[in-house]
Amino acid sequence: MADMSTFADDEDIARWRSEGRGDILASLDSGEKVWAGDRIVLSGGGRLSSCSFLKRENGLACCSIYDTRPKVCREFQAGTSRLCSLWTD
């Protein structure tokens, strides 16, 4: 399996603490979700169908923590993962 680490770095965690974002920090505390290079997976090996902060409504999806999303999301390049609707073979 690919080298995996949590999907948030120390700067993200410090920012969320200063912002009082216990909702985001609680998702990290579980230790279940890890970044696997192009997707978030469960530490036990299972895959998530989508990010727990991705909200869908009326056929549209949006990030519910966009303004404070983690570095891995800020640096994600659209189309570089099969998870992205812009993916092309």
Protein backbone atom coordinates (compact mmCIF):
# COMPACT_ATOMS: atom_id res chain seq x y z
CA MET A 1 0.00 0.00 0.00
CA ALA A 2 1.15 3.56 -0.69
CA ASP A 3 2.76 5.62 2.04
CA MET A 4 -0.11 7.22 3.91
CA SER A 5 -0.29 10.09 6.34
CA THR A 6 -3.09 12.13 7.84
CA PHE A 7 -4.75 14.49 5.42
CA ALA A 8 -3.86 17.57 7.51
CA ASP A 9 -0.45 18.98 8.33
CA ASP A 10 0.63 20.77 11.52
CA GLU A 11 -0.22 24.20 10.08
CA ASP A 12 -3.75 23.05 9.22
CA ILE A 13 -4.24 21.68 12.73
CA ALA A 14 -2.92 24.86 14.38
CA ARG A 15 -5.20 26.99 12.18
CA TRP A 16 -8.26 24.89 13.03
CA ARG A 17 -7.45 25.13 16.74
CA SER A 18 -7.18 28.93 16.53
CA GLU A 19 -10.43 29.05 14.55
CA GLY A 20 -12.20 26.86 17.09
CA ARG A 21 -13.00 24.23 14.45
CA GLY A 22 -13.68 21.31 16.75
CA ASP A 23 -15.76 19.71 14.00
CA ILE A 24 -12.71 19.32 11.79
CA LEU A 25 -10.38 18.38 14.65
CA ALA A 26 -12.81 15.67 15.80
CA SER A 27 -12.54 14.00 12.39
CA LEU A 28 -8.75 13.87 12.83
CA ASP A 29 -8.93 12.55 16.37
CA SER A 30 -10.61 9.37 15.18
CA GLY A 31 -7.40 8.43 13.35
CA GLU A 32 -9.46 6.57 10.79
CA LYS A 33 -9.02 8.84 7.76
CA VAL A 34 -5.66 9.05 6.03
CA TRP A 35 -4.48 10.55 2.75
CA ALA A 36 -3.36 7.90 0.25
CA GLY A 37 -1.80 10.12 -2.39
CA ASP A 38 -4.95 10.85 -4.38
CA ARG A 39 -7.79 10.09 -1.98
CA ILE A 40 -8.77 9.82 1.65
CA VAL A 41 -9.10 6.22 2.85
CA LEU A 42 -9.89 4.53 6.13
CA SER A 43 -6.84 3.39 8.09
CA GLY A 44 -8.28 -0.13 8.16
CA GLY A 45 -8.00 -0.24 4.36
CA GLY A 46 -11.52 0.67 3.30
CA ARG A 47 -12.26 3.48 0.88
CA LEU A 48 -14.52 6.42 1.55
CA SER A 49 -17.05 7.23 -1.15
CA SER A 50 -16.21 10.92 -0.71
CA CYS A 51 -14.77 13.40 1.73
CA SER A 52 -16.91 13.80 4.83
CA PHE A 53 -16.83 17.58 4.27
CA LEU A 54 -18.18 17.34 0.72
CA LYS A 55 -21.84 18.29 0.80
CA ARG A 56 -24.27 17.47 -2.01
CA GLU A 57 -27.46 19.36 -2.66
CA ASN A 58 -29.68 19.59 -5.74
CA GLY A 59 -27.16 17.66 -7.87
CA LEU A 60 -24.28 19.93 -6.92
CA ALA A 61 -21.38 19.34 -4.56
CA CYS A 62 -19.42 21.83 -2.50
CA CYS A 63 -16.77 21.80 0.19
CA SER A 64 -18.28 22.73 3.54
CA ILE A 65 -14.86 23.82 4.88
CA TYR A 66 -13.55 25.46 1.70
CA ASP A 67 -12.34 28.65 3.40
CA THR A 68 -10.17 26.62 5.81
CA ARG A 69 -9.58 23.41 3.82
CA PRO A 70 -6.33 21.50 4.45
CA LYS A 71 -3.18 22.02 2.41
CA VAL A 72 -3.65 18.74 0.58
CA CYS A 73 -6.95 20.10 -0.79
CA ARG A 74 -5.57 23.56 -1.58
CA GLU A 75 -2.76 21.97 -3.61
CA PHE A 76 -4.91 19.35 -5.36
CA GLN A 77 -4.75 19.72 -9.14
CA ALA A 78 -8.09 19.13 -10.84
CA GLY A 79 -8.03 16.15 -13.18
CA THR A 80 -5.11 14.38 -11.48
CA SER A 81 -7.23 11.72 -9.81
CA ARG A 82 -9.92 9.33 -10.99
CA LEU A 83 -12.05 10.83 -8.20
CA CYS A 84 -12.17 14.15 -10.06
CA SER A 85 -14.86 14.73 -12.68
CA LEU A 86 -12.15 16.32 -14.89
CA TRP A 87 -10.11 13.06 -15.01
CA THR A 88 -9.20 11.88 -18.52
CA ASP A 89 -7.29 8.74 -19.49
